[in-house]
Amino acid sequence: MTLHFDAVYKEHAAYVVRSLRRLGVPERDVLDEAQNVFVAVHRKLRDFDPDRPLRPWIFGFCHRVAANYRRLARNRHESMAPGPTEAKSSGDAVQRSEARGIVLLGLQALDDRGRAIFCMYELDGFTAPEIARVLEIEVEDVYVSVKTARRRFRRALAERGLP
């Protein structure tokens, strides 16, 4: 089975943007970094094993692009704090925006690897073996990292008086 880039892009663009936000890329740069993800996906798509799930493979690109972005931001002495939230219009939109902000605050307490593992496991529902394969680590390390990330995530929220 041959994957076509246009179909991959159409199906996974929103997921890539969401993942990059979760991995600490600020809103002002998330679309540029999503483009970097898809440039890499385009280059490697012919090497993809269609017997494996596509989304974890794509997340691996998101993880690497976000880690590179964060590394370069430190070199530029930029703050990785979240920017102002978008305008709030309806009650549901306000709740979603607040919930997203709470999650992003918790994610800031995690290092790059912990953030990636937490996002993949807790938010995207990937299995530990899928995560281990994408991040090229042992399955046992995934479980340990999830436990550590959960604890740091909860502690970060508690320190801010959040649920």
C-alpha atoms as a PDB file:
ATOM      1  CA  MET A   1       0.000   0.000   0.000  1.00  0.00           C
ATOM      2  CA  THR A   2       1.408   3.363  -1.016  1.00  0.00           C
ATOM      3  CA  LEU A   3       0.565   6.395   1.067  1.00  0.00           C
ATOM      4  CA  HIS A   4      -0.028   9.663  -0.734  1.00  0.00           C
ATOM      5  CA  PHE A   5       1.339  12.734   0.956  1.00  0.00           C
ATOM      6  CA  ASP A   6      -1.736  14.865   0.247  1.00  0.00           C
ATOM      7  CA  ALA A   7      -3.981  12.366   2.025  1.00  0.00           C
ATOM      8  CA  VAL A   8      -1.577  12.076   4.971  1.00  0.00           C
ATOM      9  CA  TYR A   9      -1.427  15.850   5.269  1.00  0.00           C
ATOM     10  CA  LYS A  10      -5.185  16.295   5.081  1.00  0.00           C
ATOM     11  CA  GLU A  11      -5.862  13.602   7.663  1.00  0.00           C
ATOM     12  CA  HIS A  12      -3.127  14.562  10.152  1.00  0.00           C
ATOM     13  CA  ALA A  13      -2.571  18.343   9.862  1.00  0.00           C
ATOM     14  CA  ALA A  14      -4.784  19.216  12.831  1.00  0.00           C
ATOM     15  CA  TYR A  15      -3.166  16.450  14.894  1.00  0.00           C
ATOM     16  CA  VAL A  16       0.317  17.785  14.103  1.00  0.00           C
ATOM     17  CA  VAL A  17      -0.645  21.323  15.130  1.00  0.00           C
ATOM     18  CA  ARG A  18      -2.243  20.060  18.348  1.00  0.00           C
ATOM     19  CA  SER A  19       0.796  17.903  19.130  1.00  0.00           C
ATOM     20  CA  LEU A  20       3.232  20.756  18.560  1.00  0.00           C
ATOM     21  CA  ARG A  21       1.246  22.979  20.930  1.00  0.00           C
ATOM     22  CA  ARG A  22       1.328  20.230  23.556  1.00  0.00           C
ATOM     23  CA  LEU A  23       5.056  19.834  23.035  1.00  0.00           C
ATOM     24  CA  GLY A  24       5.665  23.497  23.843  1.00  0.00           C
ATOM     25  CA  VAL A  25       5.729  25.291  20.508  1.00  0.00           C
ATOM     26  CA  PRO A  26       4.093  28.705  21.008  1.00  0.00           C
ATOM     27  CA  GLU A  27       1.045  29.602  18.957  1.00  0.00           C
ATOM     28  CA  ARG A  28       2.975  32.229  16.995  1.00  0.00           C
ATOM     29  CA  ASP A  29       5.266  29.539  15.535  1.00  0.00           C
ATOM     30  CA  VAL A  30       3.126  26.417  15.504  1.00  0.00           C
ATOM     31  CA  LEU A  31       2.158  26.626  11.813  1.00  0.00           C
ATOM     32  CA  ASP A  32       5.764  27.140  10.720  1.00  0.00           C
ATOM     33  CA  GLU A  33       6.878  24.172  12.796  1.00  0.00           C
ATOM     34  CA  ALA A  34       3.986  22.078  11.441  1.00  0.00           C
ATOM     35  CA  GLN A  35       5.341  22.818   7.986  1.00  0.00           C
ATOM     36  CA  ASN A  36       8.744  21.548   9.140  1.00  0.00           C
ATOM     37  CA  VAL A  37       7.085  18.354  10.364  1.00  0.00           C
ATOM     38  CA  PHE A  38       5.411  17.774   7.017  1.00  0.00           C
ATOM     39  CA  VAL A  39       8.585  18.508   5.066  1.00  0.00           C
ATOM     40  CA  ALA A  40      10.254  15.720   7.051  1.00  0.00           C
ATOM     41  CA  VAL A  41       7.233  13.424   6.658  1.00  0.00           C
ATOM     42  CA  HIS A  42       7.268  14.027   2.907  1.00  0.00           C
ATOM     43  CA  ARG A  43      10.964  13.138   2.711  1.00  0.00           C
ATOM     44  CA  LYS A  44      10.537   9.896   4.686  1.00  0.00           C
ATOM     45  CA  LEU A  45       7.079   8.773   3.583  1.00  0.00           C
ATOM     46  CA  ARG A  46       8.385   6.230   1.089  1.00  0.00           C
ATOM     47  CA  ASP A  47      10.321   4.538   3.927  1.00  0.00           C
ATOM     48  CA  PHE A  48       7.237   4.207   6.133  1.00  0.00           C
ATOM     49  CA  ASP A  49       6.154   0.636   6.906  1.00  0.00           C
ATOM     50  CA  PRO A  50       2.396   0.561   6.173  1.00  0.00           C
ATOM     51  CA  ASP A  51       1.978  -2.356   8.587  1.00  0.00           C
ATOM     52  CA  ARG A  52       2.665   0.063  11.447  1.00  0.00           C
ATOM     53  CA  PRO A  53       0.276   2.764  12.683  1.00  0.00           C
ATOM     54  CA  LEU A  54       0.872   6.117  11.015  1.00  0.00           C
ATOM     55  CA  ARG A  55      -0.027   8.507  13.823  1.00  0.00           C
ATOM     56  CA  PRO A  56       2.736   7.438  16.260  1.00  0.00           C
ATOM     57  CA  TRP A  57       5.232   7.674  13.394  1.00  0.00           C
ATOM     58  CA  ILE A  58       4.079  11.228  12.673  1.00  0.00           C
ATOM     59  CA  PHE A  59       4.273  12.074  16.378  1.00  0.00           C
ATOM     60  CA  GLY A  60       7.952  11.117  16.262  1.00  0.00           C
ATOM     61  CA  PHE A  61       8.506  13.924  13.758  1.00  0.00           C
ATOM     62  CA  CYS A  62       6.525  16.324  15.952  1.00  0.00           C
ATOM     63  CA  HIS A  63       8.673  15.366  18.933  1.00  0.00           C
ATOM     64  CA  ARG A  64      11.934  15.955  17.083  1.00  0.00           C
ATOM     65  CA  VAL A  65      10.790  19.256  15.525  1.00  0.00           C
ATOM     66  CA  ALA A  66       9.478  20.560  18.873  1.00  0.00           C
ATOM     67  CA  ALA A  67      12.650  19.506  20.709  1.00  0.00           C
ATOM     68  CA  ASN A  68      14.752  21.282  18.091  1.00  0.00           C
ATOM     69  CA  TYR A  69      12.536  24.360  18.342  1.00  0.00           C
ATOM     70  CA  ARG A  70      12.870  24.432  22.118  1.00  0.00           C
ATOM     71  CA  ARG A  71      16.645  23.948  21.926  1.00  0.00           C
ATOM     72  CA  LEU A  72      16.988  26.834  19.472  1.00  0.00           C
ATOM     73  CA  ALA A  73      14.662  29.024  21.565  1.00  0.00           C
ATOM     74  CA  ARG A  74      16.996  28.587  24.540  1.00  0.00           C
ATOM     75  CA  ASN A  75      19.881  29.688  22.354  1.00  0.00           C
ATOM     76  CA  ARG A  76      17.887  32.791  21.374  1.00  0.00           C
ATOM     77  CA  HIS A  77      16.987  33.385  25.042  1.00  0.00           C
ATOM     78  CA  GLU A  78      13.285  33.289  24.279  1.00  0.00           C
ATOM     79  CA  SER A  79      10.652  32.575  26.853  1.00  0.00           C
ATOM     80  CA  MET A  80       8.700  29.391  26.280  1.00  0.00           C
ATOM     81  CA  ALA A  81       5.802  30.644  28.443  1.00  0.00           C
ATOM     82  CA  PRO A  82       2.425  30.404  26.768  1.00  0.00           C
ATOM     83  CA  GLY A  83       1.179  33.542  25.097  1.00  0.00           C
ATOM     84  CA  PRO A  84      -2.156  35.187  25.675  1.00  0.00           C
ATOM     85  CA  THR A  85      -5.135  32.947  25.160  1.00  0.00           C
ATOM     86  CA  GLU A  86      -7.396  33.439  22.209  1.00  0.00           C
ATOM     87  CA  ALA A  87     -10.562  35.523  22.469  1.00  0.00           C
ATOM     88  CA  LYS A  88     -13.323  33.822  24.391  1.00  0.00           C
ATOM     89  CA  SER A  89     -16.777  33.880  22.880  1.00  0.00           C
ATOM     90  CA  SER A  90     -19.069  31.051  23.945  1.00  0.00           C
ATOM     91  CA  GLY A  91     -19.238  29.136  27.216  1.00  0.00           C
ATOM     92  CA  ASP A  92     -18.012  25.900  25.619  1.00  0.00           C
ATOM     93  CA  ALA A  93     -15.165  27.713  23.901  1.00  0.00           C
ATOM     94  CA  VAL A  94     -14.181  29.315  27.192  1.00  0.00           C
ATOM     95  CA  GLN A  95     -14.132  25.950  28.959  1.00  0.00           C
ATOM     96  CA  ARG A  96     -12.087  24.336  26.169  1.00  0.00           C
ATOM     97  CA  SER A  97      -9.660  27.249  26.181  1.00  0.00           C
ATOM     98  CA  GLU A  98      -9.281  27.110  29.965  1.00  0.00           C
ATOM     99  CA  ALA A  99      -8.838  23.335  29.916  1.00  0.00           C
ATOM    100  CA  ARG A 100      -6.219  23.622  27.152  1.00  0.00           C
ATOM    101  CA  GLY A 101      -4.410  26.286  29.185  1.00  0.00           C
ATOM    102  CA  ILE A 102      -4.393  24.056  32.276  1.00  0.00           C
ATOM    103  CA  VAL A 103      -2.992  21.126  30.294  1.00  0.00           C
ATOM    104  CA  LEU A 104      -0.298  23.331  28.754  1.00  0.00           C
ATOM    105  CA  LEU A 105       0.694  24.600  32.219  1.00  0.00           C
ATOM    106  CA  GLY A 106       1.065  21.030  33.441  1.00  0.00           C
ATOM    107  CA  LEU A 107       3.049  20.056  30.364  1.00  0.00           C
ATOM    108  CA  GLN A 108       5.528  22.891  30.958  1.00  0.00           C
ATOM    109  CA  ALA A 109       6.680  21.099  34.103  1.00  0.00           C
ATOM    110  CA  LEU A 110       7.917  18.153  32.035  1.00  0.00           C
ATOM    111  CA  ASP A 111      11.206  17.738  30.205  1.00  0.00           C
ATOM    112  CA  ASP A 112      11.099  17.096  26.448  1.00  0.00           C
ATOM    113  CA  ARG A 113      11.078  13.309  26.707  1.00  0.00           C
ATOM    114  CA  GLY A 114       8.571  13.244  29.568  1.00  0.00           C
ATOM    115  CA  ARG A 115       6.309  15.650  27.707  1.00  0.00           C
ATOM    116  CA  ALA A 116       6.400  13.529  24.558  1.00  0.00           C
ATOM    117  CA  ILE A 117       5.690  10.317  26.445  1.00  0.00           C
ATOM    118  CA  PHE A 118       2.917  11.923  28.508  1.00  0.00           C
ATOM    119  CA  CYS A 119       1.253  13.353  25.377  1.00  0.00           C
ATOM    120  CA  MET A 120       1.484  10.095  23.473  1.00  0.00           C
ATOM    121  CA  TYR A 121       0.256   7.931  26.348  1.00  0.00           C
ATOM    122  CA  GLU A 122      -2.233  10.106  28.200  1.00  0.00           C
ATOM    123  CA  LEU A 123      -3.547  12.416  25.496  1.00  0.00           C
ATOM    124  CA  ASP A 124      -3.231  10.399  22.292  1.00  0.00           C
ATOM    125  CA  GLY A 125      -3.793   6.933  23.738  1.00  0.00           C
ATOM    126  CA  PHE A 126      -0.758   5.248  22.200  1.00  0.00           C
ATOM    127  CA  THR A 127       0.407   2.005  23.743  1.00  0.00           C
ATOM    128  CA  ALA A 128       3.717   1.714  25.558  1.00  0.00           C
ATOM    129  CA  PRO A 129       5.185  -0.507  22.803  1.00  0.00           C
ATOM    130  CA  GLU A 130       4.195   2.067  20.150  1.00  0.00           C
ATOM    131  CA  ILE A 131       5.822   4.848  22.148  1.00  0.00           C
ATOM    132  CA  ALA A 132       8.948   2.780  22.761  1.00  0.00           C
ATOM    133  CA  ARG A 133       9.275   2.071  19.045  1.00  0.00           C
ATOM    134  CA  VAL A 134       8.822   5.738  18.030  1.00  0.00           C
ATOM    135  CA  LEU A 135      11.176   7.128  20.676  1.00  0.00           C
ATOM    136  CA  GLU A 136      13.582   4.201  20.429  1.00  0.00           C
ATOM    137  CA  ILE A 137      13.509   3.401  24.146  1.00  0.00           C
ATOM    138  CA  GLU A 138      12.617   0.356  26.238  1.00  0.00           C
ATOM    139  CA  VAL A 139       8.960  -0.323  27.039  1.00  0.00           C
ATOM    140  CA  GLU A 140       9.782  -0.359  30.751  1.00  0.00           C
ATOM    141  CA  ASP A 141      11.216   3.158  30.394  1.00  0.00           C
ATOM    142  CA  VAL A 142       7.899   4.299  28.931  1.00  0.00           C
ATOM    143  CA  TYR A 143       6.001   3.089  31.998  1.00  0.00           C
ATOM    144  CA  VAL A 144       8.480   4.696  34.397  1.00  0.00           C
ATOM    145  CA  SER A 145       8.359   7.950  32.431  1.00  0.00           C
ATOM    146  CA  VAL A 146       4.556   7.985  32.406  1.00  0.00           C
ATOM    147  CA  LYS A 147       4.472   7.553  36.185  1.00  0.00           C
ATOM    148  CA  THR A 148       7.053  10.311  36.702  1.00  0.00           C
ATOM    149  CA  ALA A 149       5.334  12.648  34.227  1.00  0.00           C
ATOM    150  CA  ARG A 150       1.942  12.147  35.882  1.00  0.00           C
ATOM    151  CA  ARG A 151       3.421  13.049  39.251  1.00  0.00           C
ATOM    152  CA  ARG A 152       5.166  16.189  37.920  1.00  0.00           C
ATOM    153  CA  PHE A 153       2.085  17.202  35.932  1.00  0.00           C
ATOM    154  CA  ARG A 154      -0.189  16.931  39.004  1.00  0.00           C
ATOM    155  CA  ARG A 155       2.346  18.722  41.197  1.00  0.00           C
ATOM    156  CA  ALA A 156       2.638  21.611  38.719  1.00  0.00           C
ATOM    157  CA  LEU A 157      -1.107  22.074  38.650  1.00  0.00           C
ATOM    158  CA  ALA A 158      -1.417  21.779  42.430  1.00  0.00           C
ATOM    159  CA  GLU A 159       1.267  24.453  42.921  1.00  0.00           C
ATOM    160  CA  ARG A 160      -0.940  26.809  40.905  1.00  0.00           C
ATOM    161  CA  GLY A 161      -4.067  25.817  42.800  1.00  0.00           C
ATOM    162  CA  LEU A 162      -5.568  24.089  39.776  1.00  0.00           C
ATOM    163  CA  PRO A 163      -7.483  20.772  39.685  1.00  0.00           C
END
